Protein backbone atom coordinates (compact mmCIF):
# COMPACT_ATOMS: atom_id res chain seq x y z
CA MET A 1 0.01 0.01 -0.01
CA LYS A 2 2.84 2.39 0.92
CA LEU A 3 4.60 1.63 -2.40
CA PHE A 4 1.34 2.36 -4.26
CA LEU A 5 0.97 5.75 -2.51
CA ASN A 6 4.62 6.64 -3.26
CA LEU A 7 4.14 5.80 -6.96
CA LEU A 8 0.94 7.79 -7.07
CA LEU A 9 2.67 10.78 -5.54
CA LEU A 10 5.54 10.42 -7.98
CA PHE A 11 3.26 10.28 -11.01
CA SER A 12 1.29 13.28 -9.69
CA VAL A 13 4.49 15.38 -9.39
CA ILE A 14 5.51 14.39 -12.96
CA ALA A 15 2.05 15.23 -14.30
CA VAL A 16 2.12 18.68 -12.58
CA GLN A 17 5.58 19.36 -13.95
CA ALA A 18 4.53 18.41 -17.46
CA SER A 19 1.43 20.59 -17.37
CA SER A 20 3.37 23.47 -15.90
CA GLN A 21 5.67 23.39 -18.90
CA LYS A 22 2.69 23.97 -21.13
CA ALA A 23 1.20 26.49 -18.79
CA GLY A 24 4.57 28.18 -18.34
CA PHE A 25 4.21 29.92 -21.68
CA ASP A 26 2.28 33.11 -21.15
CA LYS A 27 1.59 34.97 -24.42
CA SER A 28 1.02 38.22 -22.62
CA ALA A 29 4.49 37.97 -21.00
CA PHE A 30 5.93 36.92 -24.38
CA TYR A 31 4.55 39.99 -26.14
CA ASN A 32 5.69 42.26 -23.31
CA ALA A 33 9.19 40.90 -23.78
CA MET A 34 9.00 41.37 -27.50
CA ALA A 35 7.96 45.00 -26.94
CA SER A 36 10.83 45.64 -24.58
CA ASP A 37 14.61 46.04 -25.04
CA ASP A 38 15.29 44.11 -21.84
CA MET A 39 17.83 41.39 -22.58
CA LYS A 40 17.14 39.69 -19.25
CA GLU A 41 13.44 39.41 -20.11
CA ILE A 42 14.10 38.19 -23.65
CA ASN A 43 16.42 35.50 -22.24
CA ARG A 44 13.87 34.52 -19.62
CA GLN A 45 11.16 34.13 -22.30
CA LEU A 46 13.61 32.14 -24.50
CA ALA A 47 14.23 29.74 -21.63
CA ILE A 48 10.53 29.32 -21.06
CA VAL A 49 9.77 28.74 -24.77
CA SER A 50 12.65 26.45 -25.39
CA THR A 51 11.64 24.09 -22.56
CA ALA A 52 7.92 24.30 -23.10
CA THR A 53 5.99 21.58 -24.96
CA PHE A 54 3.46 23.20 -27.26
CA THR A 55 3.04 22.98 -30.97
CA ASP A 56 4.72 25.62 -33.09
CA LYS A 57 6.88 26.96 -30.32
CA GLU A 58 9.57 27.44 -32.97
CA ALA A 59 7.78 30.55 -34.26
CA PHE A 60 7.90 32.20 -30.84
CA GLU A 61 11.50 31.02 -30.22
CA GLY A 62 12.54 32.34 -33.63
CA ALA A 63 11.00 35.75 -33.01
CA LEU A 64 12.73 36.00 -29.61
CA LEU A 65 16.07 35.02 -31.16
CA MET A 66 15.72 37.74 -33.79
CA LYS A 67 14.69 40.27 -31.15
CA LYS A 68 17.74 39.31 -29.10
CA ALA A 69 19.93 39.76 -32.19
CA GLY A 70 19.07 43.43 -32.17
CA LEU A 71 20.25 43.78 -28.56
CA VAL A 72 23.67 42.05 -28.62
CA ALA A 73 26.83 43.92 -29.32
CA LYS A 74 28.97 41.62 -31.44
CA ALA A 75 28.17 41.62 -35.19
CA LYS A 76 28.86 37.94 -35.64
CA GLU A 77 26.54 37.00 -32.73
CA LYS A 78 23.86 39.35 -34.08
CA LEU A 79 23.94 37.67 -37.44
CA ASN A 80 24.01 34.11 -36.03
CA LEU A 81 21.04 34.81 -33.76
CA PHE A 82 19.10 36.54 -36.47
CA ASN A 83 19.66 33.72 -38.97
CA ALA A 84 18.79 31.01 -36.45
CA GLY A 85 15.60 32.85 -35.50
CA ARG A 86 14.68 33.56 -39.08
CA ALA A 87 14.98 29.84 -39.95
CA LYS A 88 12.69 28.84 -37.05
CA LEU A 89 10.08 31.49 -37.77
CA GLU A 90 10.05 30.93 -41.51
CA ALA A 91 9.72 27.15 -41.04
CA SER A 92 6.74 27.69 -38.78
CA ILE A 93 5.13 30.06 -41.23
CA LYS A 94 5.70 27.61 -44.06
CA LYS A 95 4.00 24.84 -42.07
CA ASN A 96 1.11 27.15 -41.06
CA THR A 97 0.48 29.30 -44.13
CA GLY A 98 -2.16 31.90 -43.25
CA ASN A 99 -1.38 31.93 -39.53
CA SER A 100 -2.03 35.60 -38.64
CA GLU A 101 -0.17 35.51 -35.37
CA PHE A 102 2.99 34.18 -37.06
CA ALA A 103 2.62 36.89 -39.71
CA PHE A 104 2.42 39.41 -36.87
CA LEU A 105 5.66 38.08 -35.35
CA ARG A 106 7.35 38.36 -38.71
CA LEU A 107 5.99 41.83 -39.28
CA ILE A 108 7.39 43.00 -35.92
CA ILE A 109 10.86 41.82 -36.96
CA GLN A 110 10.71 42.88 -40.59
CA GLU A 111 9.70 46.45 -39.74
CA HIS A 112 12.80 46.85 -37.61
CA ALA A 113 15.35 44.57 -39.41
CA PRO A 114 18.36 46.31 -40.86
CA LYS A 115 18.28 46.57 -44.65
CA MET A 116 21.48 44.55 -45.01
CA VAL A 117 19.71 41.30 -43.83
CA LYS A 118 17.14 41.72 -46.61
CA TYR A 119 14.24 40.62 -44.40
CA ASN A 120 11.39 42.88 -45.47
CA SER A 121 9.70 41.26 -48.46
CA ASN A 122 6.54 40.24 -46.55
CA ILE A 123 5.59 43.41 -44.78
CA GLU A 124 2.61 44.35 -46.92
CA SER A 125 1.24 40.75 -47.21
CA ASP A 126 1.63 40.20 -43.46
CA SER A 127 -0.05 43.48 -42.68
CA LEU A 128 -3.00 42.62 -44.89
CA LEU A 129 -3.30 39.14 -43.37
CA ILE A 130 -3.24 40.58 -39.84
CA GLN A 131 -5.83 43.22 -40.65
CA THR A 132 -8.12 40.73 -42.40
CA ASN A 133 -8.03 38.22 -39.54
CA PHE A 134 -7.65 40.52 -36.56
CA LYS A 135 -11.09 39.74 -35.09
CA ASN A 136 -10.36 35.97 -35.20
CA LEU A 137 -7.23 36.27 -33.01
CA SER A 138 -7.18 35.75 -29.28
CA PRO A 139 -7.69 38.83 -27.06
CA VAL A 140 -4.06 38.73 -25.92
CA VAL A 141 -2.80 38.76 -29.50
CA GLN A 142 -5.25 41.48 -30.43
CA GLN A 143 -4.00 43.60 -27.57
CA ALA A 144 -0.39 43.03 -28.62
CA ILE A 145 -1.28 44.10 -32.19
CA ASN A 146 -3.10 47.19 -30.89
CA ASP A 147 -0.12 48.15 -28.76
CA TYR A 148 2.31 47.53 -31.62
CA SER A 149 0.15 49.46 -34.15
CA LYS A 150 0.92 52.66 -32.25
CA LYS A 151 4.52 52.40 -33.39
CA SER A 152 3.97 50.61 -36.69
CA SER A 153 4.13 52.37 -40.07
CA VAL A 154 2.01 49.69 -41.80
CA LEU A 155 -0.68 48.83 -39.19
CA LYS A 156 -2.08 52.33 -38.99
CA SER A 157 -5.66 51.23 -39.76
CA LEU A 158 -5.77 49.19 -36.54
CA ARG A 159 -4.96 52.09 -34.30
CA PRO A 160 -7.68 52.81 -31.78
């Protein structure tokens, strides 16, 4: 009986840890980190996303890597982070064509990417997709888009 209770307790702890990994990803905190220039917060969100177990986490990880690339000092590290993030985000977009949230992540990066990385060819199409599907997005993503539109040159029509 004691062995059974110990096993039950062990499986309960494992189940709670597994569910907390999924629950550990908070989109609101993610979008706050994306809006900031706080390296500590970007790294914290990267750690959360990289250990979480949810589908399409690569898109979020890719966006964070590219955001981080804009904050590091060394040129080689900037380029390596940007390219790694770009590969993850683009792969997610390719798997989920028409995903408005992923288009929003790409738009955030493309509007601020240096011209030398040539990452700006989808700004108009992403903007259109976001505007067309805005009402179908979760309230957290809608709020992030509304907040971002105040600084965006292409999402003007979504400004409150």
